[in-house]
Amino acid sequence: MKRLTRKEEEIMDLFWENGPMFVRELRERYADPKPHFNTLSTMVRILESEGFLTHATHGNSFQYLPVVTREQYHRGSVANLVDKYFGNSYRAMVSAFVEEEKLSLEDLKEIIGQIEKGK
């Protein structure tokens, strides 16, 4: 799955939180100064071409809705991170966190408990 830019992720977050929207409704969700309508429209069309959004036609207008859920995107992002930086090894990723002291022994025991419950 393609990695979203910060602005694309910001737009997707608004769709994930609010559901289907027209571009004008999307623009209303932004604080001032609001992005230009044409800029948002272009970004939404790009997200649609990349498979993140689809649209329903209402007269002459398009109402856009997410195709990919937030959870699907996050899972794909983690998988890409593990593949790119850890040679597709989740073990290497966890080891890196342990080495950098980002995970404690207690954290690891809790993770092991979750794995055992899942079996």
N, C-alpha and C. Protein backbone atom coordinates (compact mmCIF):
# COMPACT_ATOMS: atom_id res chain seq x y z
N MET A 1 0.85 -1.19 0.00
CA MET A 1 0.00 0.00 0.00
C MET A 1 0.89 1.24 0.00
N LYS A 2 0.54 2.20 -0.82
CA LYS A 2 1.29 3.44 -0.93
C LYS A 2 1.26 4.20 0.40
N ARG A 3 2.36 4.82 0.72
CA ARG A 3 2.46 5.65 1.92
C ARG A 3 1.90 7.03 1.58
N LEU A 4 0.99 7.52 2.40
CA LEU A 4 0.39 8.83 2.18
C LEU A 4 1.32 9.94 2.64
N THR A 5 1.25 11.09 1.96
CA THR A 5 1.95 12.27 2.44
C THR A 5 1.21 12.79 3.67
N ARG A 6 1.81 13.72 4.36
CA ARG A 6 1.17 14.29 5.55
C ARG A 6 -0.17 14.93 5.19
N LYS A 7 -0.23 15.67 4.09
CA LYS A 7 -1.47 16.33 3.67
C LYS A 7 -2.53 15.31 3.25
N GLU A 8 -2.09 14.25 2.53
CA GLU A 8 -3.04 13.22 2.13
C GLU A 8 -3.61 12.50 3.35
N GLU A 9 -2.74 12.22 4.31
CA GLU A 9 -3.21 11.55 5.53
C GLU A 9 -4.18 12.45 6.30
N GLU A 10 -3.92 13.75 6.28
CA GLU A 10 -4.83 14.71 6.93
C GLU A 10 -6.22 14.64 6.29
N ILE A 11 -6.27 14.57 4.96
CA ILE A 11 -7.54 14.47 4.25
C ILE A 11 -8.22 13.14 4.58
N MET A 12 -7.46 12.06 4.53
CA MET A 12 -8.04 10.74 4.83
C MET A 12 -8.57 10.70 6.26
N ASP A 13 -7.86 11.30 7.21
CA ASP A 13 -8.34 11.35 8.59
C ASP A 13 -9.72 12.00 8.65
N LEU A 14 -9.91 13.06 7.88
CA LEU A 14 -11.22 13.73 7.87
C LEU A 14 -12.31 12.82 7.30
N PHE A 15 -11.97 12.06 6.26
CA PHE A 15 -12.95 11.11 5.72
C PHE A 15 -13.21 9.98 6.71
N TRP A 16 -12.16 9.47 7.35
CA TRP A 16 -12.35 8.38 8.32
C TRP A 16 -13.20 8.83 9.50
N GLU A 17 -13.05 10.09 9.89
CA GLU A 17 -13.81 10.60 11.04
C GLU A 17 -15.24 11.01 10.67
N ASN A 18 -15.45 11.46 9.43
CA ASN A 18 -16.75 12.05 9.06
C ASN A 18 -17.54 11.26 8.03
N GLY A 19 -16.94 10.28 7.40
CA GLY A 19 -17.64 9.51 6.38
C GLY A 19 -17.70 10.24 5.05
N PRO A 20 -18.65 9.85 4.18
CA PRO A 20 -18.74 10.43 2.84
C PRO A 20 -18.94 11.94 2.88
N MET A 21 -18.23 12.62 1.97
CA MET A 21 -18.33 14.09 1.91
C MET A 21 -18.10 14.57 0.49
N PHE A 22 -18.71 15.71 0.20
CA PHE A 22 -18.39 16.47 -1.00
C PHE A 22 -17.14 17.29 -0.68
N VAL A 23 -16.43 17.76 -1.68
CA VAL A 23 -15.21 18.54 -1.44
C VAL A 23 -15.52 19.79 -0.63
N ARG A 24 -16.65 20.42 -0.90
CA ARG A 24 -17.01 21.63 -0.13
C ARG A 24 -17.20 21.30 1.36
N GLU A 25 -17.77 20.12 1.66
CA GLU A 25 -17.93 19.70 3.06
C GLU A 25 -16.57 19.42 3.70
N LEU A 26 -15.69 18.80 2.91
CA LEU A 26 -14.34 18.54 3.39
C LEU A 26 -13.66 19.86 3.74
N ARG A 27 -13.78 20.83 2.86
CA ARG A 27 -13.15 22.15 3.07
C ARG A 27 -13.69 22.82 4.34
N GLU A 28 -14.98 22.63 4.62
CA GLU A 28 -15.59 23.22 5.82
C GLU A 28 -14.99 22.67 7.11
N ARG A 29 -14.44 21.47 7.05
CA ARG A 29 -13.87 20.82 8.25
C ARG A 29 -12.53 21.42 8.65
N TYR A 30 -11.92 22.20 7.78
CA TYR A 30 -10.63 22.82 8.05
C TYR A 30 -10.80 24.12 8.81
N ALA A 31 -9.83 24.40 9.66
CA ALA A 31 -9.80 25.70 10.36
C ALA A 31 -9.28 26.75 9.37
N ASP A 32 -9.53 28.00 9.69
CA ASP A 32 -9.00 29.09 8.86
C ASP A 32 -7.50 29.22 9.07
N PRO A 33 -6.75 29.50 8.07
CA PRO A 33 -7.15 29.69 6.68
C PRO A 33 -7.38 28.34 6.01
N LYS A 34 -8.52 28.21 5.38
CA LYS A 34 -8.90 26.96 4.72
C LYS A 34 -8.10 26.79 3.43
N PRO A 35 -7.78 25.53 3.09
CA PRO A 35 -7.12 25.31 1.80
C PRO A 35 -8.06 25.68 0.65
N HIS A 36 -7.49 26.03 -0.48
CA HIS A 36 -8.28 26.40 -1.64
C HIS A 36 -9.09 25.19 -2.12
N PHE A 37 -10.30 25.42 -2.56
CA PHE A 37 -11.19 24.36 -3.03
C PHE A 37 -10.53 23.53 -4.12
N ASN A 38 -9.89 24.18 -5.10
CA ASN A 38 -9.28 23.45 -6.21
C ASN A 38 -8.13 22.56 -5.74
N THR A 39 -7.38 23.02 -4.75
CA THR A 39 -6.29 22.22 -4.19
C THR A 39 -6.84 20.95 -3.56
N LEU A 40 -7.88 21.11 -2.75
CA LEU A 40 -8.50 19.94 -2.11
C LEU A 40 -9.09 19.00 -3.16
N SER A 41 -9.75 19.56 -4.15
CA SER A 41 -10.36 18.76 -5.20
C SER A 41 -9.30 17.92 -5.92
N THR A 42 -8.17 18.53 -6.23
CA THR A 42 -7.07 17.81 -6.89
C THR A 42 -6.54 16.69 -6.00
N MET A 43 -6.34 16.99 -4.73
CA MET A 43 -5.80 15.98 -3.80
C MET A 43 -6.79 14.81 -3.63
N VAL A 44 -8.07 15.12 -3.58
CA VAL A 44 -9.09 14.08 -3.44
C VAL A 44 -9.09 13.19 -4.69
N ARG A 45 -8.98 13.80 -5.86
CA ARG A 45 -8.94 13.00 -7.10
C ARG A 45 -7.69 12.11 -7.14
N ILE A 46 -6.57 12.61 -6.62
CA ILE A 46 -5.34 11.80 -6.55
C ILE A 46 -5.57 10.62 -5.61
N LEU A 47 -6.16 10.89 -4.45
CA LEU A 47 -6.44 9.81 -3.50
C LEU A 47 -7.39 8.78 -4.10
N GLU A 48 -8.31 9.24 -4.93
CA GLU A 48 -9.21 8.31 -5.60
C GLU A 48 -8.43 7.47 -6.62
N SER A 49 -7.56 8.10 -7.39
CA SER A 49 -6.81 7.36 -8.40
C SER A 49 -5.86 6.35 -7.77
N GLU A 50 -5.46 6.59 -6.53
CA GLU A 50 -4.56 5.68 -5.81
C GLU A 50 -5.32 4.61 -5.04
N GLY A 51 -6.66 4.63 -5.11
CA GLY A 51 -7.47 3.59 -4.50
C GLY A 51 -7.85 3.81 -3.05
N PHE A 52 -7.64 5.02 -2.52
CA PHE A 52 -8.00 5.30 -1.14
C PHE A 52 -9.44 5.78 -1.01
N LEU A 53 -9.94 6.43 -2.06
CA LEU A 53 -11.30 6.96 -2.07
C LEU A 53 -12.02 6.47 -3.31
N THR A 54 -13.34 6.53 -3.26
CA THR A 54 -14.18 6.34 -4.43
C THR A 54 -15.23 7.43 -4.38
N HIS A 55 -16.10 7.49 -5.38
CA HIS A 55 -17.13 8.53 -5.34
C HIS A 55 -18.47 7.99 -5.81
N ALA A 56 -19.50 8.69 -5.37
CA ALA A 56 -20.86 8.47 -5.84
C ALA A 56 -21.29 9.77 -6.51
N THR A 57 -21.97 9.66 -7.64
CA THR A 57 -22.40 10.85 -8.39
C THR A 57 -23.76 11.31 -7.89
N HIS A 58 -23.85 12.60 -7.59
CA HIS A 58 -25.11 13.24 -7.18
C HIS A 58 -25.31 14.43 -8.10
N GLY A 59 -26.08 14.24 -9.16
CA GLY A 59 -26.24 15.31 -10.14
C GLY A 59 -24.91 15.58 -10.82
N ASN A 60 -24.44 16.82 -10.69
CA ASN A 60 -23.15 17.21 -11.27
C ASN A 60 -22.01 17.13 -10.25
N SER A 61 -22.30 16.67 -9.05
CA SER A 61 -21.30 16.66 -7.98
C SER A 61 -20.90 15.23 -7.61
N PHE A 62 -19.71 15.12 -7.08
CA PHE A 62 -19.20 13.84 -6.58
C PHE A 62 -19.11 13.88 -5.07
N GLN A 63 -19.66 12.85 -4.45
CA GLN A 63 -19.50 12.67 -3.00
C GLN A 63 -18.46 11.56 -2.83
N TYR A 64 -17.38 11.88 -2.13
CA TYR A 64 -16.28 10.93 -1.98
C TYR A 64 -16.40 10.17 -0.67
N LEU A 65 -15.96 8.92 -0.70
CA LEU A 65 -15.97 8.10 0.51
C LEU A 65 -14.75 7.20 0.53
N PRO A 66 -14.27 6.89 1.73
CA PRO A 66 -13.07 6.06 1.83
C PRO A 66 -13.32 4.62 1.41
N VAL A 67 -12.33 4.05 0.73
CA VAL A 67 -12.35 2.65 0.34
C VAL A 67 -11.50 1.86 1.34
N VAL A 68 -10.43 2.48 1.79
CA VAL A 68 -9.50 1.87 2.74
C VAL A 68 -9.83 2.39 4.13
N THR A 69 -9.95 1.50 5.10
CA THR A 69 -10.20 1.93 6.48
C THR A 69 -8.90 2.42 7.11
N ARG A 70 -9.03 3.16 8.18
CA ARG A 70 -7.85 3.62 8.92
C ARG A 70 -7.02 2.42 9.38
N GLU A 71 -7.69 1.38 9.85
CA GLU A 71 -6.98 0.20 10.34
C GLU A 71 -6.22 -0.50 9.22
N GLN A 72 -6.83 -0.61 8.04
CA GLN A 72 -6.15 -1.23 6.90
C GLN A 72 -4.91 -0.42 6.52
N TYR A 73 -5.05 0.89 6.52
CA TYR A 73 -3.92 1.75 6.18
C TYR A 73 -2.79 1.60 7.19
N HIS A 74 -3.13 1.59 8.48
CA HIS A 74 -2.10 1.48 9.51
C HIS A 74 -1.40 0.13 9.45
N ARG A 75 -2.17 -0.94 9.23
CA ARG A 75 -1.55 -2.26 9.09
C ARG A 75 -0.59 -2.28 7.91
N GLY A 76 -1.00 -1.71 6.80
CA GLY A 76 -0.14 -1.64 5.62
C GLY A 76 1.09 -0.80 5.87
N SER A 77 0.93 0.27 6.64
CA SER A 77 2.06 1.15 6.95
C SER A 77 3.09 0.42 7.81
N VAL A 78 2.60 -0.32 8.79
CA VAL A 78 3.52 -1.08 9.65
C VAL A 78 4.24 -2.14 8.82
N ALA A 79 3.51 -2.82 7.96
CA ALA A 79 4.13 -3.84 7.11
C ALA A 79 5.20 -3.22 6.22
N ASN A 80 4.93 -2.04 5.65
CA ASN A 80 5.92 -1.36 4.81
C ASN A 80 7.15 -0.96 5.62
N LEU A 81 6.92 -0.48 6.84
CA LEU A 81 8.03 -0.09 7.71
C LEU A 81 8.92 -1.29 8.03
N VAL A 82 8.29 -2.40 8.39
CA VAL A 82 9.04 -3.61 8.73
C VAL A 82 9.81 -4.10 7.51
N ASP A 83 9.18 -4.06 6.36
CA ASP A 83 9.84 -4.51 5.13
C ASP A 83 11.02 -3.61 4.78
N LYS A 84 10.79 -2.31 4.81
CA LYS A 84 11.81 -1.35 4.37
C LYS A 84 12.99 -1.25 5.32
N TYR A 85 12.74 -1.21 6.62
CA TYR A 85 13.81 -0.93 7.58
C TYR A 85 14.30 -2.14 8.35
N PHE A 86 13.55 -3.23 8.33
CA PHE A 86 13.94 -4.39 9.13
C PHE A 86 13.99 -5.68 8.31
N GLY A 87 14.14 -5.56 7.00
CA GLY A 87 14.28 -6.73 6.15
C GLY A 87 13.10 -7.68 6.25
N ASN A 88 11.92 -7.11 6.42
CA ASN A 88 10.66 -7.87 6.55
C ASN A 88 10.68 -8.82 7.75
N SER A 89 11.43 -8.45 8.79
CA SER A 89 11.53 -9.27 10.00
C SER A 89 10.96 -8.51 11.19
N TYR A 90 9.82 -8.98 11.69
CA TYR A 90 9.23 -8.37 12.88
C TYR A 90 10.13 -8.62 14.09
N ARG A 91 10.82 -9.75 14.09
CA ARG A 91 11.76 -10.06 15.17
C ARG A 91 12.87 -9.00 15.22
N ALA A 92 13.39 -8.64 14.05
CA ALA A 92 14.44 -7.61 13.99
C ALA A 92 13.91 -6.27 14.50
N MET A 93 12.67 -5.98 14.18
CA MET A 93 12.07 -4.72 14.65
C MET A 93 11.97 -4.70 16.17
N VAL A 94 11.45 -5.78 16.74
CA VAL A 94 11.32 -5.86 18.20
C VAL A 94 12.70 -5.80 18.85
N SER A 95 13.68 -6.50 18.27
CA SER A 95 15.04 -6.48 18.80
C SER A 95 15.61 -5.07 18.80
N ALA A 96 15.32 -4.31 17.75
CA ALA A 96 15.79 -2.93 17.68
C ALA A 96 15.18 -2.11 18.81
N PHE A 97 13.90 -2.32 19.10
CA PHE A 97 13.26 -1.59 20.19
C PHE A 97 13.87 -1.97 21.54
N VAL A 98 14.20 -3.24 21.70
CA VAL A 98 14.83 -3.70 22.95
C VAL A 98 16.21 -3.07 23.09
N GLU A 99 16.99 -3.11 22.01
CA GLU A 99 18.35 -2.55 22.05
C GLU A 99 18.34 -1.06 22.36
N GLU A 100 17.36 -0.35 21.85
CA GLU A 100 17.26 1.09 22.10
C GLU A 100 16.52 1.39 23.40
N GLU A 101 16.22 0.34 24.15
CA GLU A 101 15.53 0.45 25.43
C GLU A 101 14.17 1.13 25.31
N LYS A 102 13.50 0.86 24.20
CA LYS A 102 12.13 1.36 23.99
C LYS A 102 11.11 0.35 24.51
N LEU A 103 11.54 -0.92 24.68
CA LEU A 103 10.70 -1.97 25.24
C LEU A 103 11.41 -2.55 26.45
N SER A 104 10.68 -2.66 27.54
CA SER A 104 11.24 -3.24 28.77
C SER A 104 10.93 -4.73 28.82
N LEU A 105 11.52 -5.39 29.79
CA LEU A 105 11.24 -6.81 30.01
C LEU A 105 9.76 -7.00 30.32
N GLU A 106 9.19 -6.11 31.10
CA GLU A 106 7.75 -6.19 31.40
C GLU A 106 6.90 -6.05 30.14
N ASP A 107 7.30 -5.14 29.26
CA ASP A 107 6.58 -4.98 27.99
C ASP A 107 6.63 -6.28 27.19
N LEU A 108 7.81 -6.89 27.13
CA LEU A 108 7.96 -8.13 26.38
C LEU A 108 7.13 -9.26 26.99
N LYS A 109 7.09 -9.33 28.31
CA LYS A 109 6.27 -10.36 28.96
C LYS A 109 4.80 -10.16 28.63
N GLU A 110 4.36 -8.92 28.59
CA GLU A 110 2.97 -8.62 28.25
C GLU A 110 2.68 -9.03 26.80
N ILE A 111 3.61 -8.75 25.89
CA ILE A 111 3.44 -9.14 24.49
C ILE A 111 3.39 -10.65 24.37
N ILE A 112 4.26 -11.36 25.08
CA ILE A 112 4.27 -12.83 25.05
C ILE A 112 2.92 -13.35 25.56
N GLY A 113 2.40 -12.74 26.62
CA GLY A 113 1.09 -13.14 27.14
C GLY A 113 -0.01 -12.96 26.10
N GLN A 114 0.04 -11.86 25.34
CA GLN A 114 -0.94 -11.62 24.29
C GLN A 114 -0.82 -12.66 23.19
N ILE A 115 0.42 -13.04 22.84
CA ILE A 115 0.63 -14.06 21.82
C ILE A 115 0.09 -15.39 22.28
N GLU A 116 0.35 -15.74 23.54
CA GLU A 116 -0.13 -17.01 24.08
C GLU A 116 -1.64 -17.07 24.13
N LYS A 117 -2.29 -15.96 24.43
CA LYS A 117 -3.76 -15.92 24.46
C LYS A 117 -4.33 -16.09 23.06
N GLY A 118 -3.60 -15.62 22.07
CA GLY A 118 -4.06 -15.70 20.68
C GLY A 118 -3.98 -17.10 20.10
N LYS A 119 -3.22 -17.98 20.72
CA LYS A 119 -3.04 -19.34 20.18
C LYS A 119 -4.16 -20.24 20.59
